């Protein structure tokens, strides 16, 4: 396993992070534990979760992914071997002050996450989105207090556009408090909006970059055919997440781009999953790619990304997959 610095910070993280957002719904507890066991045996000890997971669930399943991880860690006694990243923002109960980044919600959310995870600290605690209704000063001071109290070791954010991240950086510097150490954006061969401003900003300021969706929700596995309907049991049909994932990737132009890329990948006798993850990892400033699997055997293609080298033809094919897509407006908000 290759390790990288979290930006300018001292924490070293594996180049691959195991995302757990489907654990507890798409992937049952027994299979989730098997995947976690196998991942750890392969030195993939960086786990990403959130209090709102599992993906696609309802109010009755909220928090189950963290609870599942907590049961696994307790049964294996392996907490000290792991780097755990979690997030807060989304509502976890139906009552006032139960979402966003107010001091009230952040403090309450971390206590609930610690309880579900059955741990005394979270290595990286992130805001799952930005909160336009709460002053960033209030949010950053609350995160700073968690670090100083030892409940959190580093803080980060996810789904921030560049101007909001820049604001957070400036405010933390002005207040002289601990700011965000990392940003977690969506990034893959088919979605490269962050290259315009967010990624250069993160690199300039020394933030770690933990990218999610490197396989475009499985779309870049190449298993879907043009004209095919979304397959049952995947993120494209998974509960409340189905519409979001279809809107992101289930378009004829994306199918055509993947088919063209797949032809080059197969010509070079490579695996498209490995190539897609490797492409993300070779981009400047990327600390780790968050991978998602539903079966233990899928881990190997992801890990093989660490050994992929790009010749000119393969690199050009990856570039073409993005630049031949029609441009779509970037909607302010969840990206």
Protein backbone atom coordinates (compact mmCIF):
# COMPACT_ATOMS: atom_id res chain seq x y z
CA UNK A 1 0.00 0.00 0.00
CA UNK A 2 1.25 3.44 -0.91
CA UNK A 3 0.94 6.19 1.75
CA UNK A 4 0.64 9.90 1.10
CA UNK A 5 0.57 13.01 3.27
CA UNK A 6 -2.76 14.65 3.90
CA UNK A 7 -1.71 17.79 2.06
CA UNK A 8 0.79 19.80 4.11
CA UNK A 9 -0.25 18.05 7.32
CA UNK A 10 1.62 15.35 9.20
CA UNK A 11 -0.99 12.61 8.85
CA UNK A 12 -0.09 9.88 6.37
CA UNK A 13 -3.01 8.10 4.71
CA UNK A 14 -3.19 5.18 2.28
CA UNK A 15 -3.61 6.20 -1.36
CA UNK A 16 -6.85 4.20 -1.29
CA UNK A 17 -9.63 4.71 1.23
CA UNK A 18 -12.48 2.22 1.61
CA UNK A 19 -15.82 3.97 1.38
CA UNK A 20 -18.53 2.36 3.47
CA UNK A 21 -21.62 4.31 2.44
CA UNK A 22 -23.39 1.21 1.05
CA UNK A 23 -22.72 -0.90 4.14
CA UNK A 24 -25.92 -1.66 6.02
CA UNK A 25 -28.27 -1.43 3.01
CA UNK A 26 -26.86 -2.42 -0.39
CA UNK A 27 -24.30 -4.59 1.41
CA UNK A 28 -25.46 -6.55 4.45
CA UNK A 29 -23.57 -6.73 7.74
CA UNK A 30 -22.00 -10.16 7.18
CA UNK A 31 -20.68 -9.22 3.74
CA UNK A 32 -19.59 -5.79 5.01
CA UNK A 33 -17.54 -7.40 7.77
CA UNK A 34 -15.96 -9.78 5.23
CA UNK A 35 -14.99 -6.83 3.00
CA UNK A 36 -13.55 -4.94 5.97
CA UNK A 37 -11.55 -7.97 7.10
CA UNK A 38 -10.12 -8.48 3.62
CA UNK A 39 -9.34 -4.78 3.19
CA UNK A 40 -7.41 -4.64 6.44
CA UNK A 41 -5.46 -7.77 5.50
CA UNK A 42 -4.40 -5.86 2.37
CA UNK A 43 -3.29 -2.86 4.49
CA UNK A 44 -6.26 -0.80 3.37
CA UNK A 45 -6.90 0.66 6.80
CA UNK A 46 -8.42 4.04 5.87
CA UNK A 47 -12.24 3.98 6.17
CA UNK A 48 -14.67 6.72 5.15
CA UNK A 49 -18.19 6.92 6.57
CA UNK A 50 -20.81 9.46 7.69
CA UNK A 51 -23.60 9.74 10.23
CA UNK A 52 -26.19 9.87 7.40
CA UNK A 53 -25.19 6.54 5.83
CA UNK A 54 -26.15 4.07 4.42
CA UNK A 55 -26.60 5.66 1.02
CA UNK A 56 -30.14 5.44 -0.29
CA UNK A 57 -31.62 4.63 3.09
CA UNK A 58 -34.51 6.13 5.00
CA UNK A 59 -34.81 7.84 8.38
CA UNK A 60 -35.00 4.36 9.92
CA UNK A 61 -31.56 3.32 8.59
CA UNK A 62 -29.68 6.55 9.32
CA UNK A 63 -26.57 5.86 11.40
CA UNK A 64 -26.53 2.13 10.67
CA UNK A 65 -23.27 2.26 8.73
CA UNK A 66 -21.38 3.83 11.64
CA UNK A 67 -23.00 1.35 14.03
CA UNK A 68 -21.98 -1.54 11.78
CA UNK A 69 -18.39 -0.30 11.75
CA UNK A 70 -18.47 0.08 15.51
CA UNK A 71 -19.58 -3.52 15.98
CA UNK A 72 -16.88 -4.72 13.59
CA UNK A 73 -14.11 -2.76 15.33
CA UNK A 74 -15.22 -3.94 18.76
CA UNK A 75 -15.39 -7.59 17.71
CA UNK A 76 -11.93 -7.43 16.11
CA UNK A 77 -10.29 -5.12 18.65
CA UNK A 78 -8.56 -3.26 15.82
CA UNK A 79 -9.42 0.42 16.36
CA UNK A 80 -5.77 1.48 16.73
CA UNK A 81 -4.92 -0.02 13.33
CA UNK A 82 -7.44 2.19 11.53
CA UNK A 83 -7.83 5.72 10.24
CA UNK A 84 -11.51 6.59 10.52
CA UNK A 85 -13.08 9.49 8.64
CA UNK A 86 -16.69 10.46 9.31
CA UNK A 87 -18.95 13.42 8.55
CA UNK A 88 -21.82 15.46 9.88
CA UNK A 89 -24.38 17.79 8.33
CA UNK A 90 -27.47 15.81 7.31
CA UNK A 91 -30.39 15.36 9.73
CA UNK A 92 -30.34 12.16 11.75
CA UNK A 93 -33.59 12.74 13.66
CA UNK A 94 -36.80 14.68 13.09
CA UNK A 95 -36.53 17.71 15.35
CA UNK A 96 -35.15 21.28 15.35
CA UNK A 97 -31.41 22.00 15.34
CA UNK A 98 -30.70 18.59 13.88
CA UNK A 99 -28.88 19.41 10.68
CA UNK A 100 -26.33 21.80 9.26
CA UNK A 101 -23.17 23.13 10.86
CA UNK A 102 -24.36 25.00 13.91
CA UNK A 103 -22.34 24.51 17.08
CA UNK A 104 -25.38 22.78 18.54
CA UNK A 105 -25.57 20.21 15.77
CA UNK A 106 -21.83 19.62 15.34
CA UNK A 107 -21.30 18.88 19.04
CA UNK A 108 -24.34 16.64 19.23
CA UNK A 109 -23.50 14.86 15.97
CA UNK A 110 -19.95 13.98 16.97
CA UNK A 111 -21.10 12.54 20.30
CA UNK A 112 -23.62 10.33 18.48
CA UNK A 113 -21.00 9.21 15.94
CA UNK A 114 -18.50 8.37 18.68
CA UNK A 115 -21.18 6.30 20.41
CA UNK A 116 -22.14 4.39 17.25
CA UNK A 117 -18.50 3.83 16.29
CA UNK A 118 -17.69 2.75 19.87
CA UNK A 119 -14.52 4.84 19.90
CA UNK A 120 -13.12 7.79 21.84
CA UNK A 121 -11.94 9.76 18.80
CA UNK A 122 -12.40 10.21 15.07
CA UNK A 123 -9.25 10.71 13.00
CA UNK A 124 -10.82 13.00 10.39
CA UNK A 125 -14.18 14.68 11.03
CA UNK A 126 -15.71 16.47 8.06
CA UNK A 127 -18.62 18.71 7.26
CA UNK A 128 -20.62 16.72 4.69
CA UNK A 129 -21.74 19.91 2.96
CA UNK A 130 -21.67 23.64 3.57
CA UNK A 131 -24.32 25.45 5.58
CA UNK A 132 -25.43 28.80 4.13
CA UNK A 133 -27.52 29.51 7.25
CA UNK A 134 -24.70 29.33 9.82
CA UNK A 135 -21.73 31.72 10.01
CA UNK A 136 -18.58 29.86 9.04
CA UNK A 137 -16.93 31.30 12.19
CA UNK A 138 -19.39 29.36 14.35
CA UNK A 139 -18.77 26.10 12.52
CA UNK A 140 -14.99 26.41 12.50
CA UNK A 141 -14.82 27.29 16.21
CA UNK A 142 -16.92 24.21 17.01
CA UNK A 143 -14.60 21.97 14.96
CA UNK A 144 -11.58 23.63 16.60
CA UNK A 145 -12.99 22.86 20.04
CA UNK A 146 -13.44 19.18 19.09
CA UNK A 147 -9.79 18.93 18.08
CA UNK A 148 -8.62 20.61 21.28
CA UNK A 149 -10.84 18.29 23.33
CA UNK A 150 -9.25 15.23 21.69
CA UNK A 151 -12.50 13.93 20.22
CA UNK A 152 -11.31 14.71 16.69
CA UNK A 153 -7.73 14.78 15.37
CA UNK A 154 -8.22 16.58 12.06
CA UNK A 155 -11.17 18.32 10.43
CA UNK A 156 -12.15 18.59 6.80
CA UNK A 157 -15.03 19.41 4.52
CA UNK A 158 -16.85 17.82 1.59
CA UNK A 159 -18.83 19.20 -1.35
CA UNK A 160 -17.61 22.79 -0.90
CA UNK A 161 -17.29 24.96 -4.00
CA UNK A 162 -13.98 26.79 -4.19
CA UNK A 163 -15.24 30.17 -3.03
CA UNK A 164 -16.74 28.68 0.14
CA UNK A 165 -13.58 26.73 0.86
CA UNK A 166 -11.53 29.89 0.33
CA UNK A 167 -13.79 31.73 2.77
CA UNK A 168 -13.31 28.98 5.37
CA UNK A 169 -9.53 29.10 4.97
CA UNK A 170 -9.43 32.89 5.33
CA UNK A 171 -11.67 32.89 8.40
CA UNK A 172 -9.64 30.18 10.16
CA UNK A 173 -6.43 32.14 9.51
CA UNK A 174 -8.01 35.37 10.74
CA UNK A 175 -9.26 33.73 13.94
CA UNK A 176 -6.02 31.83 14.52
CA UNK A 177 -7.83 28.51 14.90
CA UNK A 178 -7.47 25.06 13.42
CA UNK A 179 -9.05 25.03 9.98
CA UNK A 180 -9.92 22.34 7.51
CA UNK A 181 -7.07 19.94 6.72
CA UNK A 182 -8.77 18.37 3.72
CA UNK A 183 -11.49 18.63 1.10
CA UNK A 184 -13.55 15.69 -0.20
CA UNK A 185 -14.97 16.39 -3.67
CA UNK A 186 -16.48 14.22 -6.41
CA UNK A 187 -13.86 13.54 -9.10
CA UNK A 188 -13.40 11.00 -11.87
CA UNK A 189 -12.64 10.67 -15.57
CA UNK A 190 -16.24 11.68 -16.38
CA UNK A 191 -16.47 14.57 -13.89
CA UNK A 192 -13.57 17.01 -13.66
CA UNK A 193 -15.19 20.30 -12.65
CA UNK A 194 -12.89 20.62 -9.61
CA UNK A 195 -9.86 21.18 -11.86
CA UNK A 196 -11.00 24.71 -12.68
CA UNK A 197 -10.68 26.20 -9.22
CA UNK A 198 -11.19 23.84 -6.26
CA UNK A 199 -8.21 21.56 -6.90
CA UNK A 200 -5.76 24.44 -7.57
CA UNK A 201 -6.96 26.14 -4.38
CA UNK A 202 -6.51 22.97 -2.30
CA UNK A 203 -3.03 22.43 -3.74
CA UNK A 204 -2.02 26.05 -3.13
CA UNK A 205 -3.22 25.98 0.48
CA UNK A 206 -1.83 22.51 1.24
CA UNK A 207 -5.13 20.76 1.91
CA UNK A 208 -5.41 17.03 1.48
CA UNK A 209 -7.76 15.95 -1.32
CA UNK A 210 -9.82 12.81 -0.73
CA UNK A 211 -11.86 12.19 -3.85
CA UNK A 212 -15.06 10.18 -3.96
CA UNK A 213 -16.82 8.51 -6.90
CA UNK A 214 -13.55 7.65 -8.74
CA UNK A 215 -15.55 4.94 -10.57
CA UNK A 216 -18.57 7.19 -11.13
CA UNK A 217 -20.71 4.99 -8.91
CA UNK A 218 -19.59 1.87 -10.79
CA UNK A 219 -20.30 3.39 -14.22
CA UNK A 220 -16.57 3.36 -15.02
CA UNK A 221 -16.37 -0.38 -14.40
CA UNK A 222 -17.53 -0.72 -18.00
CA UNK A 223 -20.16 -3.31 -17.11
CA UNK A 224 -23.10 -1.22 -18.35
CA UNK A 225 -24.05 -1.27 -22.02
CA UNK A 226 -25.61 1.57 -24.07
CA UNK A 227 -29.39 1.29 -24.02
CA UNK A 228 -29.37 -0.84 -20.88
CA UNK A 229 -31.74 -0.06 -18.03
CA UNK A 230 -30.21 0.55 -14.59
CA UNK A 231 -29.39 -2.75 -12.90
CA UNK A 232 -31.17 -3.71 -9.69
CA UNK A 233 -29.03 -3.66 -6.56
CA UNK A 234 -26.66 -0.94 -7.80
CA UNK A 235 -26.38 2.73 -6.86
CA UNK A 236 -28.43 3.58 -9.95
CA UNK A 237 -31.49 1.89 -8.42
CA UNK A 238 -30.66 2.19 -4.72
CA UNK A 239 -33.47 3.84 -2.77
CA UNK A 240 -33.22 7.59 -2.45
CA UNK A 241 -29.82 7.65 -4.22
CA UNK A 242 -31.04 6.25 -7.56
CA UNK A 243 -32.23 9.50 -9.08
CA UNK A 244 -29.04 11.35 -8.11
CA UNK A 245 -26.75 8.75 -9.67
CA UNK A 246 -28.78 8.44 -12.85
CA UNK A 247 -28.73 12.21 -13.25
CA UNK A 248 -24.96 12.24 -12.83
CA UNK A 249 -23.97 9.49 -15.22
CA UNK A 250 -26.80 7.65 -17.00
CA UNK A 251 -26.66 9.56 -20.30
CA UNK A 252 -25.88 8.48 -23.84
CA UNK A 253 -22.83 10.73 -24.01
CA UNK A 254 -21.32 9.08 -20.92
CA UNK A 255 -22.01 5.63 -22.33
CA UNK A 256 -20.24 6.57 -25.56
CA UNK A 257 -17.26 7.99 -23.66
CA UNK A 258 -16.88 4.84 -21.59
CA UNK A 259 -17.16 2.57 -24.63
CA UNK A 260 -14.39 4.47 -26.41
CA UNK A 261 -12.15 4.39 -23.34
CA UNK A 262 -12.88 0.72 -22.74
CA UNK A 263 -11.68 -0.17 -26.24
CA UNK A 264 -8.24 1.31 -25.53
CA UNK A 265 -8.06 -0.24 -22.06
CA UNK A 266 -8.88 -3.69 -23.43
CA UNK A 267 -6.36 -3.23 -26.25
CA UNK A 268 -3.68 -2.75 -23.60
CA UNK A 269 -4.97 -5.75 -21.64
CA UNK A 270 -5.84 -3.68 -18.59
CA UNK A 271 -8.83 -3.48 -16.26
CA UNK A 272 -11.01 -0.38 -16.62
CA UNK A 273 -11.59 -0.21 -12.85
CA UNK A 274 -7.84 -0.16 -12.23
CA UNK A 275 -7.28 2.48 -14.90
CA UNK A 276 -10.06 4.76 -13.65
CA UNK A 277 -8.76 4.71 -10.07
CA UNK A 278 -5.14 5.07 -11.22
CA UNK A 279 -6.05 8.11 -13.33
CA UNK A 280 -7.46 9.87 -10.25
CA UNK A 281 -4.43 8.98 -8.15
CA UNK A 282 -1.98 10.47 -10.65
CA UNK A 283 -3.60 13.90 -10.55
CA UNK A 284 -1.62 16.55 -8.69
CA UNK A 285 -2.51 16.93 -5.03
CA UNK A 286 -4.80 13.92 -4.66
CA UNK A 287 -4.12 12.30 -1.29
CA UNK A 288 -6.46 9.33 -1.55
CA UNK A 289 -9.24 7.90 -3.71
CA UNK A 290 -12.31 6.60 -1.90
CA UNK A 291 -13.28 3.29 -3.45
CA UNK A 292 -16.51 1.37 -2.94
CA UNK A 293 -17.01 -2.38 -3.30
CA UNK A 294 -19.89 -4.75 -2.70
CA UNK A 295 -17.80 -7.95 -2.85
CA UNK A 296 -14.37 -8.79 -1.46
CA UNK A 297 -13.01 -9.81 -4.87
CA UNK A 298 -13.62 -6.28 -6.18
CA UNK A 299 -10.87 -4.99 -3.90
CA UNK A 300 -8.15 -6.47 -6.10
CA UNK A 301 -8.94 -4.46 -9.23
CA UNK A 302 -8.94 -1.29 -7.13
CA UNK A 303 -5.61 -2.14 -5.51
CA UNK A 304 -4.14 -2.93 -8.91
CA UNK A 305 -4.51 0.78 -9.68
CA UNK A 306 -1.32 1.37 -7.69
CA UNK A 307 0.66 -0.46 -10.38
CA UNK A 308 -0.85 1.09 -13.53
CA UNK A 309 1.37 3.16 -15.80
CA UNK A 310 -0.01 5.39 -18.55
CA UNK A 311 1.35 5.51 -22.07
CA UNK A 312 0.36 8.29 -24.45
CA UNK A 313 -2.52 6.36 -26.02
CA UNK A 314 -4.10 5.48 -22.70
CA UNK A 315 -3.64 8.98 -21.33
CA UNK A 316 -5.17 10.50 -24.47
CA UNK A 317 -8.16 8.15 -24.20
CA UNK A 318 -8.77 9.21 -20.60
CA UNK A 319 -8.56 12.87 -21.60
CA UNK A 320 -10.95 12.36 -24.51
CA UNK A 321 -13.54 10.72 -22.23
CA UNK A 322 -14.02 14.07 -20.50
CA UNK A 323 -13.38 16.61 -23.23
CA UNK A 324 -15.82 14.98 -25.66
CA UNK A 325 -18.69 15.20 -23.18
CA UNK A 326 -21.20 18.04 -23.59
CA UNK A 327 -20.70 20.74 -21.00
CA UNK A 328 -23.38 20.89 -18.32
CA UNK A 329 -24.05 23.75 -15.91
CA UNK A 330 -22.57 23.40 -12.43
CA UNK A 331 -25.37 23.87 -9.96
CA UNK A 332 -24.48 25.68 -6.75
CA UNK A 333 -24.98 23.30 -3.86
CA UNK A 334 -24.33 19.59 -3.60
CA UNK A 335 -21.86 18.83 -6.37
